[in-house]
């Protein structure tokens, strides 16, 4: 599970994504450039894929949260539609943990991390 990402962690992940896109141009194209920023106010969330999410599509993510750092995470009942359009070319299986971030300029959640298959 990915939690507590620092600004440098986010920047590293974004650089890795840029390098991946450069090596794999067939995965997708983008018309806008985004600058890395760390969002506050609950804009990064952890959840589980509701169903398989195929690269290049969006899927439903059930948001999970811990009441305290020492308790188990539980399903909050909140769901978000999250786009899976840059992280990988593989499918995220139903039930896998994902990290989603809100991109205010696009008005969407995007999957920025995923549990290994």
N, C-alpha and C. Protein backbone atom coordinates (compact mmCIF):
# COMPACT_ATOMS: atom_id res chain seq x y z
N UNK A 1 0.85 -1.16 0.00
CA UNK A 1 0.00 0.00 0.00
C UNK A 1 0.90 1.24 0.00
N UNK A 2 0.57 2.22 -0.79
CA UNK A 2 1.35 3.45 -0.88
C UNK A 2 0.66 4.53 -0.06
N UNK A 3 1.38 5.05 0.95
CA UNK A 3 0.82 6.13 1.77
C UNK A 3 1.92 7.14 2.06
N UNK A 4 1.52 8.36 2.38
CA UNK A 4 2.46 9.37 2.83
C UNK A 4 3.50 9.76 1.81
N UNK A 5 3.12 9.94 0.56
CA UNK A 5 4.08 10.31 -0.46
C UNK A 5 4.57 11.74 -0.24
N UNK A 6 5.87 11.91 -0.32
CA UNK A 6 6.44 13.26 -0.21
C UNK A 6 6.40 13.91 -1.59
N UNK A 7 6.68 15.20 -1.61
CA UNK A 7 6.71 15.93 -2.88
C UNK A 7 7.76 15.33 -3.81
N UNK A 8 8.91 14.94 -3.26
CA UNK A 8 9.96 14.34 -4.10
C UNK A 8 9.53 12.97 -4.62
N UNK A 9 8.77 12.19 -3.82
CA UNK A 9 8.25 10.91 -4.29
C UNK A 9 7.32 11.11 -5.48
N UNK A 10 6.42 12.09 -5.37
CA UNK A 10 5.49 12.37 -6.45
C UNK A 10 6.25 12.80 -7.70
N UNK A 11 7.26 13.65 -7.51
CA UNK A 11 8.05 14.11 -8.66
C UNK A 11 8.78 12.93 -9.32
N UNK A 12 9.30 12.02 -8.51
CA UNK A 12 9.98 10.84 -9.05
C UNK A 12 9.01 9.97 -9.84
N UNK A 13 7.81 9.73 -9.31
CA UNK A 13 6.81 8.94 -10.03
C UNK A 13 6.42 9.60 -11.35
N UNK A 14 6.26 10.90 -11.33
CA UNK A 14 5.90 11.60 -12.57
C UNK A 14 7.02 11.53 -13.59
N UNK A 15 8.29 11.63 -13.13
CA UNK A 15 9.43 11.50 -14.05
C UNK A 15 9.47 10.09 -14.65
N UNK A 16 9.20 9.09 -13.82
CA UNK A 16 9.17 7.71 -14.31
C UNK A 16 8.08 7.55 -15.36
N UNK A 17 6.93 8.18 -15.14
CA UNK A 17 5.84 8.10 -16.11
C UNK A 17 6.24 8.77 -17.42
N UNK A 18 6.91 9.92 -17.32
CA UNK A 18 7.34 10.62 -18.54
C UNK A 18 8.33 9.76 -19.33
N UNK A 19 9.25 9.12 -18.63
CA UNK A 19 10.21 8.24 -19.29
C UNK A 19 9.52 7.04 -19.92
N UNK A 20 8.53 6.49 -19.23
CA UNK A 20 7.76 5.36 -19.77
C UNK A 20 7.06 5.78 -21.06
N UNK A 21 6.40 6.95 -21.02
CA UNK A 21 5.70 7.42 -22.23
C UNK A 21 6.66 7.64 -23.38
N UNK A 22 7.87 8.14 -23.07
CA UNK A 22 8.86 8.38 -24.13
C UNK A 22 9.30 7.07 -24.77
N UNK A 23 9.42 6.03 -23.97
CA UNK A 23 9.83 4.72 -24.50
C UNK A 23 8.69 3.95 -25.14
N UNK A 24 7.45 4.32 -24.83
CA UNK A 24 6.28 3.60 -25.29
C UNK A 24 5.24 4.55 -25.90
N UNK A 25 5.56 5.18 -27.01
CA UNK A 25 4.65 6.18 -27.58
C UNK A 25 3.30 5.61 -28.02
N UNK A 26 3.22 4.30 -28.23
CA UNK A 26 1.96 3.70 -28.65
C UNK A 26 0.94 3.64 -27.54
N UNK A 27 1.33 3.86 -26.29
CA UNK A 27 0.43 3.75 -25.14
C UNK A 27 -0.60 4.87 -25.15
N UNK A 28 -0.25 6.03 -25.55
CA UNK A 28 -1.21 7.14 -25.57
C UNK A 28 -0.51 8.45 -25.84
N UNK A 29 -1.28 9.42 -26.21
CA UNK A 29 -0.72 10.74 -26.46
C UNK A 29 -1.42 11.77 -25.57
N UNK A 30 -0.72 12.82 -25.28
CA UNK A 30 -1.23 13.87 -24.43
C UNK A 30 -1.02 15.21 -25.11
N UNK A 31 -1.98 16.10 -24.96
CA UNK A 31 -1.88 17.40 -25.58
C UNK A 31 -1.45 18.48 -24.60
N UNK A 32 -1.51 18.20 -23.30
CA UNK A 32 -1.15 19.20 -22.31
C UNK A 32 -0.03 18.67 -21.42
N UNK A 33 0.77 19.55 -20.94
CA UNK A 33 1.83 19.19 -20.02
C UNK A 33 1.41 19.58 -18.61
N UNK A 34 1.56 18.65 -17.66
CA UNK A 34 1.21 18.95 -16.28
C UNK A 34 2.47 19.10 -15.44
N UNK A 35 2.47 20.08 -14.56
CA UNK A 35 3.59 20.27 -13.65
C UNK A 35 3.31 19.49 -12.37
N UNK A 36 4.31 18.81 -11.82
CA UNK A 36 4.09 18.05 -10.59
C UNK A 36 3.78 18.96 -9.41
N UNK A 37 2.74 18.62 -8.68
CA UNK A 37 2.39 19.34 -7.46
C UNK A 37 1.86 18.34 -6.45
N UNK A 38 2.03 18.66 -5.20
CA UNK A 38 1.45 17.84 -4.15
C UNK A 38 0.17 18.53 -3.71
N UNK A 39 -0.94 17.83 -3.80
CA UNK A 39 -2.23 18.40 -3.46
C UNK A 39 -2.53 18.14 -2.00
N UNK A 40 -3.25 19.06 -1.38
CA UNK A 40 -3.63 18.88 0.01
C UNK A 40 -5.15 18.81 0.10
N UNK A 41 -5.66 18.53 1.28
CA UNK A 41 -7.10 18.51 1.47
C UNK A 41 -7.75 17.22 1.00
N UNK A 42 -7.06 16.10 1.13
CA UNK A 42 -7.67 14.82 0.78
C UNK A 42 -7.77 14.55 -0.70
N UNK A 43 -6.90 15.13 -1.50
CA UNK A 43 -6.97 14.95 -2.95
C UNK A 43 -6.29 13.67 -3.42
N UNK A 44 -5.52 13.02 -2.58
CA UNK A 44 -4.93 11.72 -2.90
C UNK A 44 -5.64 10.70 -2.03
N UNK A 45 -6.15 9.65 -2.66
CA UNK A 45 -6.94 8.66 -1.93
C UNK A 45 -6.47 7.25 -2.27
N UNK A 46 -6.69 6.34 -1.33
CA UNK A 46 -6.36 4.94 -1.52
C UNK A 46 -7.66 4.16 -1.63
N UNK A 47 -7.69 3.21 -2.54
CA UNK A 47 -8.90 2.42 -2.70
C UNK A 47 -8.60 1.08 -3.34
N UNK A 48 -9.66 0.41 -3.75
CA UNK A 48 -9.54 -0.87 -4.43
C UNK A 48 -10.37 -0.83 -5.70
N UNK A 49 -9.81 -1.43 -6.76
CA UNK A 49 -10.53 -1.48 -8.03
C UNK A 49 -11.80 -2.31 -7.86
N UNK A 50 -12.92 -1.76 -8.29
CA UNK A 50 -14.21 -2.43 -8.18
C UNK A 50 -14.31 -3.58 -9.18
N UNK A 51 -13.68 -3.42 -10.33
CA UNK A 51 -13.64 -4.42 -11.40
C UNK A 51 -12.31 -4.25 -12.13
N UNK A 52 -11.98 -5.15 -13.04
CA UNK A 52 -10.76 -5.00 -13.82
C UNK A 52 -10.76 -3.65 -14.51
N UNK A 53 -9.59 -2.97 -14.51
CA UNK A 53 -9.43 -1.69 -15.19
C UNK A 53 -8.34 -1.86 -16.23
N UNK A 54 -8.71 -1.74 -17.49
CA UNK A 54 -7.79 -1.93 -18.60
C UNK A 54 -7.06 -0.62 -18.89
N UNK A 55 -5.78 -0.71 -19.22
CA UNK A 55 -4.99 0.48 -19.57
C UNK A 55 -5.71 1.28 -20.65
N UNK A 56 -5.73 2.60 -20.47
CA UNK A 56 -6.36 3.49 -21.44
C UNK A 56 -7.83 3.74 -21.18
N UNK A 57 -8.37 3.17 -20.10
CA UNK A 57 -9.79 3.35 -19.78
C UNK A 57 -9.94 3.91 -18.37
N UNK A 58 -11.17 4.09 -17.96
CA UNK A 58 -11.47 4.50 -16.58
C UNK A 58 -12.22 3.37 -15.90
N UNK A 59 -12.12 3.33 -14.59
CA UNK A 59 -12.84 2.32 -13.83
C UNK A 59 -13.27 2.87 -12.48
N UNK A 60 -14.13 2.12 -11.82
CA UNK A 60 -14.63 2.53 -10.52
C UNK A 60 -13.70 2.04 -9.42
N UNK A 61 -13.39 2.94 -8.49
CA UNK A 61 -12.53 2.62 -7.36
C UNK A 61 -13.31 2.87 -6.07
N UNK A 62 -13.34 1.87 -5.21
CA UNK A 62 -13.95 2.00 -3.88
C UNK A 62 -12.89 2.58 -2.95
N UNK A 63 -13.19 3.70 -2.31
CA UNK A 63 -12.22 4.37 -1.43
C UNK A 63 -12.21 3.70 -0.05
N UNK A 64 -10.99 3.42 0.44
CA UNK A 64 -10.79 2.80 1.75
C UNK A 64 -10.06 3.80 2.64
N UNK A 65 -10.28 3.71 3.94
CA UNK A 65 -9.64 4.64 4.87
C UNK A 65 -9.46 3.95 6.22
N UNK A 66 -8.42 4.34 6.92
CA UNK A 66 -8.18 3.87 8.29
C UNK A 66 -8.72 4.90 9.27
N UNK A 67 -9.37 4.46 10.33
CA UNK A 67 -9.84 5.38 11.37
C UNK A 67 -8.66 5.94 12.14
N UNK A 68 -7.66 5.10 12.39
CA UNK A 68 -6.41 5.51 13.04
C UNK A 68 -5.28 4.77 12.36
N UNK A 69 -4.04 5.20 12.54
CA UNK A 69 -2.92 4.52 11.89
C UNK A 69 -2.76 3.06 12.28
N UNK A 70 -3.32 2.65 13.41
CA UNK A 70 -3.14 1.27 13.87
C UNK A 70 -4.34 0.36 13.57
N UNK A 71 -5.41 0.91 12.99
CA UNK A 71 -6.58 0.08 12.68
C UNK A 71 -6.55 -0.33 11.21
N UNK A 72 -7.29 -1.36 10.90
CA UNK A 72 -7.37 -1.84 9.52
C UNK A 72 -8.19 -0.87 8.67
N UNK A 73 -7.81 -0.75 7.41
CA UNK A 73 -8.57 0.10 6.48
C UNK A 73 -9.92 -0.54 6.19
N UNK A 74 -10.95 0.31 6.03
CA UNK A 74 -12.29 -0.18 5.74
C UNK A 74 -12.86 0.59 4.56
N UNK A 75 -13.78 -0.05 3.85
CA UNK A 75 -14.46 0.57 2.72
C UNK A 75 -15.35 1.69 3.25
N UNK A 76 -15.17 2.92 2.72
CA UNK A 76 -15.94 4.07 3.19
C UNK A 76 -17.30 4.17 2.52
N UNK A 77 -17.54 3.40 1.46
CA UNK A 77 -18.77 3.52 0.70
C UNK A 77 -18.65 4.56 -0.42
N UNK A 78 -17.57 5.34 -0.40
CA UNK A 78 -17.33 6.33 -1.45
C UNK A 78 -16.72 5.64 -2.67
N UNK A 79 -17.19 6.00 -3.85
CA UNK A 79 -16.59 5.48 -5.08
C UNK A 79 -16.23 6.66 -5.97
N UNK A 80 -15.17 6.50 -6.76
CA UNK A 80 -14.78 7.51 -7.73
C UNK A 80 -14.48 6.82 -9.05
N UNK A 81 -14.69 7.54 -10.14
CA UNK A 81 -14.26 7.06 -11.45
C UNK A 81 -12.83 7.55 -11.65
N UNK A 82 -11.90 6.63 -11.89
CA UNK A 82 -10.49 6.99 -12.02
C UNK A 82 -9.96 6.51 -13.37
N UNK A 83 -9.20 7.38 -14.01
CA UNK A 83 -8.63 7.08 -15.32
C UNK A 83 -7.29 6.39 -15.16
N UNK A 84 -7.08 5.36 -15.97
CA UNK A 84 -5.87 4.55 -15.95
C UNK A 84 -5.23 4.72 -17.33
N UNK A 85 -4.62 5.90 -17.54
CA UNK A 85 -4.17 6.23 -18.88
C UNK A 85 -2.68 6.55 -19.01
N UNK A 86 -1.88 6.21 -18.00
CA UNK A 86 -0.45 6.46 -18.17
C UNK A 86 0.45 5.56 -17.36
N UNK A 87 -0.02 4.92 -16.34
CA UNK A 87 0.82 4.19 -15.41
C UNK A 87 1.43 2.92 -16.00
N UNK A 88 0.67 2.19 -16.78
CA UNK A 88 1.11 0.88 -17.27
C UNK A 88 0.27 0.47 -18.47
N UNK A 89 0.71 -0.57 -19.14
CA UNK A 89 -0.07 -1.12 -20.25
C UNK A 89 -0.82 -2.38 -19.82
N UNK A 90 -0.66 -2.78 -18.56
CA UNK A 90 -1.32 -3.99 -18.07
C UNK A 90 -2.63 -3.65 -17.37
N UNK A 91 -3.48 -4.63 -17.23
CA UNK A 91 -4.77 -4.46 -16.57
C UNK A 91 -4.59 -4.51 -15.06
N UNK A 92 -5.33 -3.67 -14.34
CA UNK A 92 -5.40 -3.75 -12.88
C UNK A 92 -6.59 -4.64 -12.55
N UNK A 93 -6.35 -5.72 -11.84
CA UNK A 93 -7.42 -6.66 -11.51
C UNK A 93 -8.34 -6.14 -10.43
N UNK A 94 -9.58 -6.61 -10.46
CA UNK A 94 -10.56 -6.26 -9.44
C UNK A 94 -10.00 -6.59 -8.06
N UNK A 95 -10.20 -5.70 -7.10
CA UNK A 95 -9.75 -5.93 -5.74
C UNK A 95 -8.34 -5.46 -5.44
N UNK A 96 -7.58 -5.09 -6.46
CA UNK A 96 -6.21 -4.61 -6.23
C UNK A 96 -6.25 -3.20 -5.66
N UNK A 97 -5.31 -2.91 -4.75
CA UNK A 97 -5.23 -1.58 -4.16
C UNK A 97 -4.65 -0.59 -5.16
N UNK A 98 -5.23 0.61 -5.20
CA UNK A 98 -4.75 1.66 -6.09
C UNK A 98 -4.66 2.98 -5.33
N UNK A 99 -3.84 3.86 -5.84
CA UNK A 99 -3.69 5.21 -5.32
C UNK A 99 -4.21 6.14 -6.41
N UNK A 100 -5.17 6.99 -6.07
CA UNK A 100 -5.74 7.91 -7.05
C UNK A 100 -5.48 9.34 -6.60
N UNK A 101 -5.32 10.22 -7.58
CA UNK A 101 -5.09 11.64 -7.30
C UNK A 101 -6.06 12.46 -8.14
N UNK A 102 -6.60 13.52 -7.55
CA UNK A 102 -7.51 14.43 -8.24
C UNK A 102 -6.68 15.44 -9.04
N UNK A 103 -6.96 15.54 -10.34
CA UNK A 103 -6.32 16.53 -11.21
C UNK A 103 -7.35 17.64 -11.48
N UNK A 104 -7.22 18.71 -10.72
CA UNK A 104 -8.19 19.80 -10.76
C UNK A 104 -8.33 20.40 -12.16
N UNK A 105 -7.21 20.57 -12.87
CA UNK A 105 -7.26 21.19 -14.19
C UNK A 105 -8.07 20.38 -15.20
N UNK A 106 -8.16 19.06 -14.98
CA UNK A 106 -8.93 18.19 -15.88
C UNK A 106 -10.26 17.75 -15.28
N UNK A 107 -10.40 17.95 -13.97
CA UNK A 107 -11.63 17.54 -13.31
C UNK A 107 -11.80 16.03 -13.24
N UNK A 108 -10.67 15.31 -13.07
CA UNK A 108 -10.74 13.83 -13.02
C UNK A 108 -9.80 13.29 -11.94
N UNK A 109 -10.13 12.06 -11.48
CA UNK A 109 -9.19 11.28 -10.69
C UNK A 109 -8.39 10.44 -11.67
N UNK A 110 -7.11 10.28 -11.38
CA UNK A 110 -6.24 9.45 -12.21
C UNK A 110 -5.52 8.46 -11.29
N UNK A 111 -5.38 7.22 -11.72
CA UNK A 111 -4.65 6.21 -10.97
C UNK A 111 -3.16 6.52 -11.09
N UNK A 112 -2.51 6.74 -9.94
CA UNK A 112 -1.09 7.08 -9.96
C UNK A 112 -0.22 6.00 -9.31
N UNK A 113 -0.85 4.95 -8.82
CA UNK A 113 -0.12 3.82 -8.23
C UNK A 113 -1.04 2.63 -8.11
N UNK A 114 -0.44 1.43 -8.16
CA UNK A 114 -1.26 0.22 -8.10
C UNK A 114 -0.47 -0.90 -7.44
N UNK A 115 -1.20 -1.74 -6.72
CA UNK A 115 -0.65 -2.95 -6.15
C UNK A 115 -0.19 -3.86 -7.29
N UNK A 116 0.93 -4.54 -7.10
CA UNK A 116 1.44 -5.45 -8.13
C UNK A 116 0.47 -6.60 -8.37
N UNK A 117 0.43 -7.06 -9.61
CA UNK A 117 -0.45 -8.18 -9.99
C UNK A 117 0.12 -9.49 -9.49
